[in-house]
Amino acid sequence: MPKLQSSNGQAAQGRHRRSRGLRVSTSLSEINVVPLVDVMLVLLIIFMVAAPMLQRGLDVNLPVARQSPPIAAERVFVTVPLSFARDRTVQLDDDRVGLDALRERIRQAMMGRDEKEVFLRGDGGVTLQQLMEVMDRLKEGGVEKVGIVSRLPGQR
């Protein structure tokens, strides 16, 4: 809203101007944001305190185990050498076993194990068909998982 000022006040200050009567001046209309900022900060603090209280999960009483599950003591490796095409023998850990006897020997090795898994290592010159024959015998012997072992370039 415009303010009305009288011109008498300026003459008393020693300025020489013509007297025009009442003078109209406009002031800058500014919004006072200090109370707005204060209210927003108070609301922010209220929400920061209340937010962790709103996030409530379920209370669960977890069971306690006295003993951890057993870990397989030793891995079983079956190695198919390059000479497999001639003599039809594989190596079960450190023992040489014929392909016909592999089913029974692997069944004996898997008895008492929780995880029935075997790691199959094959020579680079062995064909895929020969590896599949060994895998079939392993599956017939009760093996559930067969992992094929490989090496990275540069490893021995």
C-alpha atoms as a PDB file:
ATOM      1  CA  MET A   1       0.000   0.000   0.000  1.00  0.00           C
ATOM      2  CA  PRO A   2       1.446   3.426  -0.862  1.00  0.00           C
ATOM      3  CA  LYS A   3       2.689   5.653   1.933  1.00  0.00           C
ATOM      4  CA  LEU A   4       1.796   9.315   2.134  1.00  0.00           C
ATOM      5  CA  GLN A   5       4.575  11.703   3.068  1.00  0.00           C
ATOM      6  CA  SER A   6       4.294  15.380   3.592  1.00  0.00           C
ATOM      7  CA  SER A   7       6.764  17.656   1.884  1.00  0.00           C
ATOM      8  CA  ASN A   8       7.285  19.739   5.064  1.00  0.00           C
ATOM      9  CA  GLY A   9       9.624  17.159   6.482  1.00  0.00           C
ATOM     10  CA  GLN A  10      12.054  17.541   3.601  1.00  0.00           C
ATOM     11  CA  ALA A  11      12.218  21.327   3.880  1.00  0.00           C
ATOM     12  CA  ALA A  12      13.044  21.072   7.537  1.00  0.00           C
ATOM     13  CA  GLN A  13      16.037  18.931   6.662  1.00  0.00           C
ATOM     14  CA  GLY A  14      17.587  21.711   4.602  1.00  0.00           C
ATOM     15  CA  ARG A  15      16.676  20.609   1.146  1.00  0.00           C
ATOM     16  CA  HIS A  16      15.275  23.214  -1.173  1.00  0.00           C
ATOM     17  CA  ARG A  17      12.557  21.915  -3.367  1.00  0.00           C
ATOM     18  CA  ARG A  18       9.275  23.150  -4.431  1.00  0.00           C
ATOM     19  CA  SER A  19       6.423  22.293  -2.242  1.00  0.00           C
ATOM     20  CA  ARG A  20       4.034  20.004  -4.056  1.00  0.00           C
ATOM     21  CA  GLY A  21       1.858  18.959  -1.181  1.00  0.00           C
ATOM     22  CA  LEU A  22       1.515  15.288  -0.365  1.00  0.00           C
ATOM     23  CA  ARG A  23       3.936  12.967  -2.071  1.00  0.00           C
ATOM     24  CA  VAL A  24       3.165   9.339  -2.811  1.00  0.00           C
ATOM     25  CA  SER A  25       5.970   6.763  -2.526  1.00  0.00           C
ATOM     26  CA  THR A  26       5.779   3.009  -2.972  1.00  0.00           C
ATOM     27  CA  SER A  27       7.562   0.547  -0.736  1.00  0.00           C
ATOM     28  CA  LEU A  28       8.806  -2.844  -1.885  1.00  0.00           C
ATOM     29  CA  SER A  29       6.348  -5.573  -1.106  1.00  0.00           C
ATOM     30  CA  GLU A  30       8.322  -8.547   0.152  1.00  0.00           C
ATOM     31  CA  ILE A  31       7.056 -11.755   1.666  1.00  0.00           C
ATOM     32  CA  ASN A  32       8.577 -12.390   5.037  1.00  0.00           C
ATOM     33  CA  VAL A  33       9.875 -15.989   4.683  1.00  0.00           C
ATOM     34  CA  VAL A  34      11.428 -16.266   8.147  1.00  0.00           C
ATOM     35  CA  PRO A  35       8.254 -17.607   9.800  1.00  0.00           C
ATOM     36  CA  LEU A  36       7.729 -19.976   6.878  1.00  0.00           C
ATOM     37  CA  VAL A  37      11.258 -21.369   7.253  1.00  0.00           C
ATOM     38  CA  ASP A  38      10.754 -21.737  11.016  1.00  0.00           C
ATOM     39  CA  VAL A  39       7.545 -23.706  10.540  1.00  0.00           C
ATOM     40  CA  MET A  40       9.142 -25.935   7.872  1.00  0.00           C
ATOM     41  CA  LEU A  41      12.140 -26.711  10.108  1.00  0.00           C
ATOM     42  CA  VAL A  42       9.851 -27.650  12.999  1.00  0.00           C
ATOM     43  CA  LEU A  43       7.856 -29.940  10.709  1.00  0.00           C
ATOM     44  CA  LEU A  44      11.067 -31.503   9.404  1.00  0.00           C
ATOM     45  CA  ILE A  45      12.239 -32.269  12.937  1.00  0.00           C
ATOM     46  CA  ILE A  46       8.851 -33.766  13.840  1.00  0.00           C
ATOM     47  CA  PHE A  47       8.917 -36.066  10.799  1.00  0.00           C
ATOM     48  CA  MET A  48      12.547 -37.058  11.418  1.00  0.00           C
ATOM     49  CA  VAL A  49      11.662 -38.125  14.956  1.00  0.00           C
ATOM     50  CA  ALA A  50       8.391 -39.836  14.000  1.00  0.00           C
ATOM     51  CA  ALA A  51       9.586 -41.744  10.878  1.00  0.00           C
ATOM     52  CA  PRO A  52      11.620 -44.450  12.674  1.00  0.00           C
ATOM     53  CA  MET A  53       8.657 -45.145  14.950  1.00  0.00           C
ATOM     54  CA  LEU A  54       6.378 -45.777  11.969  1.00  0.00           C
ATOM     55  CA  GLN A  55       8.625 -48.466  10.453  1.00  0.00           C
ATOM     56  CA  ARG A  56       7.861 -51.439  12.638  1.00  0.00           C
ATOM     57  CA  GLY A  57       8.385 -55.007  11.460  1.00  0.00           C
ATOM     58  CA  LEU A  58       7.257 -58.315  12.836  1.00  0.00           C
ATOM     59  CA  ASP A  59       8.711 -59.648  16.054  1.00  0.00           C
ATOM     60  CA  VAL A  60      10.263 -63.007  15.248  1.00  0.00           C
ATOM     61  CA  ASN A  61      11.839 -65.346  17.754  1.00  0.00           C
ATOM     62  CA  LEU A  62      14.471 -67.120  15.643  1.00  0.00           C
ATOM     63  CA  PRO A  63      15.379 -70.705  16.525  1.00  0.00           C
ATOM     64  CA  VAL A  64      18.800 -71.474  17.936  1.00  0.00           C
ATOM     65  CA  ALA A  65      20.842 -74.348  16.506  1.00  0.00           C
ATOM     66  CA  ARG A  66      23.186 -76.259  18.749  1.00  0.00           C
ATOM     67  CA  GLN A  67      25.104 -77.773  15.878  1.00  0.00           C
ATOM     68  CA  SER A  68      25.870 -76.517  12.401  1.00  0.00           C
ATOM     69  CA  PRO A  69      25.052 -78.730   9.397  1.00  0.00           C
ATOM     70  CA  PRO A  70      27.850 -81.115   8.451  1.00  0.00           C
ATOM     71  CA  ILE A  71      30.180 -80.107   5.657  1.00  0.00           C
ATOM     72  CA  ALA A  72      31.227 -82.693   3.111  1.00  0.00           C
ATOM     73  CA  ALA A  73      34.575 -83.922   4.327  1.00  0.00           C
ATOM     74  CA  GLU A  74      36.147 -84.599   0.959  1.00  0.00           C
ATOM     75  CA  ARG A  75      35.334 -83.956  -2.664  1.00  0.00           C
ATOM     76  CA  VAL A  76      35.100 -86.850  -5.064  1.00  0.00           C
ATOM     77  CA  PHE A  77      37.006 -86.387  -8.328  1.00  0.00           C
ATOM     78  CA  VAL A  78      36.618 -88.585 -11.393  1.00  0.00           C
ATOM     79  CA  THR A  79      39.341 -88.088 -14.004  1.00  0.00           C
ATOM     80  CA  VAL A  80      38.946 -89.220 -17.614  1.00  0.00           C
ATOM     81  CA  PRO A  81      42.448 -89.592 -19.122  1.00  0.00           C
ATOM     82  CA  LEU A  82      43.363 -89.449 -22.796  1.00  0.00           C
ATOM     83  CA  SER A  83      43.848 -93.243 -22.740  1.00  0.00           C
ATOM     84  CA  PHE A  84      40.110 -93.726 -21.975  1.00  0.00           C
ATOM     85  CA  ALA A  85      39.355 -94.501 -25.630  1.00  0.00           C
ATOM     86  CA  ARG A  86      41.777 -97.515 -25.535  1.00  0.00           C
ATOM     87  CA  ASP A  87      41.382 -99.065 -22.098  1.00  0.00           C
ATOM     88  CA  ARG A  88      37.964 -97.671 -20.910  1.00  0.00           C
ATOM     89  CA  THR A  89      39.303 -96.890 -17.419  1.00  0.00           C
ATOM     90  CA  VAL A  90      38.836 -93.750 -15.364  1.00  0.00           C
ATOM     91  CA  GLN A  91      40.473 -92.602 -12.195  1.00  0.00           C
ATOM     92  CA  LEU A  92      38.223 -92.336  -9.111  1.00  0.00           C
ATOM     93  CA  ASP A  93      40.236 -90.123  -6.750  1.00  0.00           C
ATOM     94  CA  ASP A  94      43.524 -92.107  -6.721  1.00  0.00           C
ATOM     95  CA  ASP A  95      42.210 -95.521  -7.899  1.00  0.00           C
ATOM     96  CA  ARG A  96      41.935 -96.690 -11.496  1.00  0.00           C
ATOM     97  CA  VAL A  97      38.476 -98.088 -12.181  1.00  0.00           C
ATOM     98  CA  GLY A  98      37.017 -99.673 -15.280  1.00  0.00           C
ATOM     99  CA  LEU A  99      33.940 -98.068 -16.789  1.00  0.00           C
ATOM    100  CA  ASP A 100      31.837-101.179 -16.080  1.00  0.00           C
ATOM    101  CA  ALA A 101      32.725-101.101 -12.360  1.00  0.00           C
ATOM    102  CA  LEU A 102      32.351 -97.324 -12.010  1.00  0.00           C
ATOM    103  CA  ARG A 103      28.626 -97.481 -11.194  1.00  0.00           C
ATOM    104  CA  GLU A 104      29.144 -99.751  -8.166  1.00  0.00           C
ATOM    105  CA  ARG A 105      32.266 -97.951  -6.926  1.00  0.00           C
ATOM    106  CA  ILE A 106      30.583 -94.545  -7.090  1.00  0.00           C
ATOM    107  CA  ARG A 107      27.529 -95.924  -5.265  1.00  0.00           C
ATOM    108  CA  GLN A 108      29.824 -97.081  -2.447  1.00  0.00           C
ATOM    109  CA  ALA A 109      31.589 -93.720  -2.374  1.00  0.00           C
ATOM    110  CA  MET A 110      28.274 -91.825  -2.149  1.00  0.00           C
ATOM    111  CA  MET A 111      26.881 -93.863   0.756  1.00  0.00           C
ATOM    112  CA  GLY A 112      26.650 -91.769   3.912  1.00  0.00           C
ATOM    113  CA  ARG A 113      27.089 -88.439   2.123  1.00  0.00           C
ATOM    114  CA  ASP A 114      24.512 -85.673   2.290  1.00  0.00           C
ATOM    115  CA  GLU A 115      25.617 -84.027  -0.926  1.00  0.00           C
ATOM    116  CA  LYS A 116      25.931 -86.500  -3.744  1.00  0.00           C
ATOM    117  CA  GLU A 117      28.145 -84.506  -6.055  1.00  0.00           C
ATOM    118  CA  VAL A 118      31.180 -85.453  -8.139  1.00  0.00           C
ATOM    119  CA  PHE A 119      33.710 -83.288  -9.932  1.00  0.00           C
ATOM    120  CA  LEU A 120      34.559 -84.601 -13.397  1.00  0.00           C
ATOM    121  CA  ARG A 121      37.956 -83.813 -14.915  1.00  0.00           C
ATOM    122  CA  GLY A 122      38.559 -84.708 -18.533  1.00  0.00           C
ATOM    123  CA  ASP A 123      41.635 -84.481 -20.704  1.00  0.00           C
ATOM    124  CA  GLY A 124      41.433 -81.963 -23.545  1.00  0.00           C
ATOM    125  CA  GLY A 125      41.649 -84.753 -26.117  1.00  0.00           C
ATOM    126  CA  VAL A 126      38.668 -86.683 -24.719  1.00  0.00           C
ATOM    127  CA  THR A 127      35.516 -86.371 -26.822  1.00  0.00           C
ATOM    128  CA  LEU A 128      32.227 -85.127 -25.502  1.00  0.00           C
ATOM    129  CA  GLN A 129      30.656 -88.523 -26.203  1.00  0.00           C
ATOM    130  CA  GLN A 130      33.199 -90.217 -23.930  1.00  0.00           C
ATOM    131  CA  LEU A 131      32.503 -87.703 -21.134  1.00  0.00           C
ATOM    132  CA  MET A 132      28.775 -88.331 -21.532  1.00  0.00           C
ATOM    133  CA  GLU A 133      29.325 -92.086 -21.108  1.00  0.00           C
ATOM    134  CA  VAL A 134      31.137 -91.456 -17.832  1.00  0.00           C
ATOM    135  CA  MET A 135      28.422 -89.006 -16.706  1.00  0.00           C
ATOM    136  CA  ASP A 136      25.733 -91.610 -17.429  1.00  0.00           C
ATOM    137  CA  ARG A 137      27.525 -94.145 -15.231  1.00  0.00           C
ATOM    138  CA  LEU A 138      27.881 -91.557 -12.479  1.00  0.00           C
ATOM    139  CA  LYS A 139      24.151 -90.787 -12.586  1.00  0.00           C
ATOM    140  CA  GLU A 140      23.336 -94.505 -12.499  1.00  0.00           C
ATOM    141  CA  GLY A 141      25.513 -94.762  -9.393  1.00  0.00           C
ATOM    142  CA  GLY A 142      23.390 -92.211  -7.499  1.00  0.00           C
ATOM    143  CA  VAL A 143      25.241 -88.957  -8.171  1.00  0.00           C
ATOM    144  CA  GLU A 144      22.870 -85.971  -8.192  1.00  0.00           C
ATOM    145  CA  LYS A 145      25.263 -83.236  -9.310  1.00  0.00           C
ATOM    146  CA  VAL A 146      28.195 -83.500 -11.700  1.00  0.00           C
ATOM    147  CA  GLY A 147      30.544 -80.546 -11.982  1.00  0.00           C
ATOM    148  CA  ILE A 148      33.021 -80.305 -14.840  1.00  0.00           C
ATOM    149  CA  VAL A 149      36.410 -78.988 -13.755  1.00  0.00           C
ATOM    150  CA  SER A 150      38.303 -76.696 -16.107  1.00  0.00           C
ATOM    151  CA  ARG A 151      41.315 -74.439 -15.820  1.00  0.00           C
ATOM    152  CA  LEU A 152      41.989 -70.876 -16.813  1.00  0.00           C
ATOM    153  CA  PRO A 153      44.469 -70.124 -19.587  1.00  0.00           C
ATOM    154  CA  GLY A 154      47.978 -70.031 -18.147  1.00  0.00           C
ATOM    155  CA  GLN A 155      47.207 -72.351 -15.214  1.00  0.00           C
ATOM    156  CA  ARG A 156      48.814 -75.775 -14.890  1.00  0.00           C
END
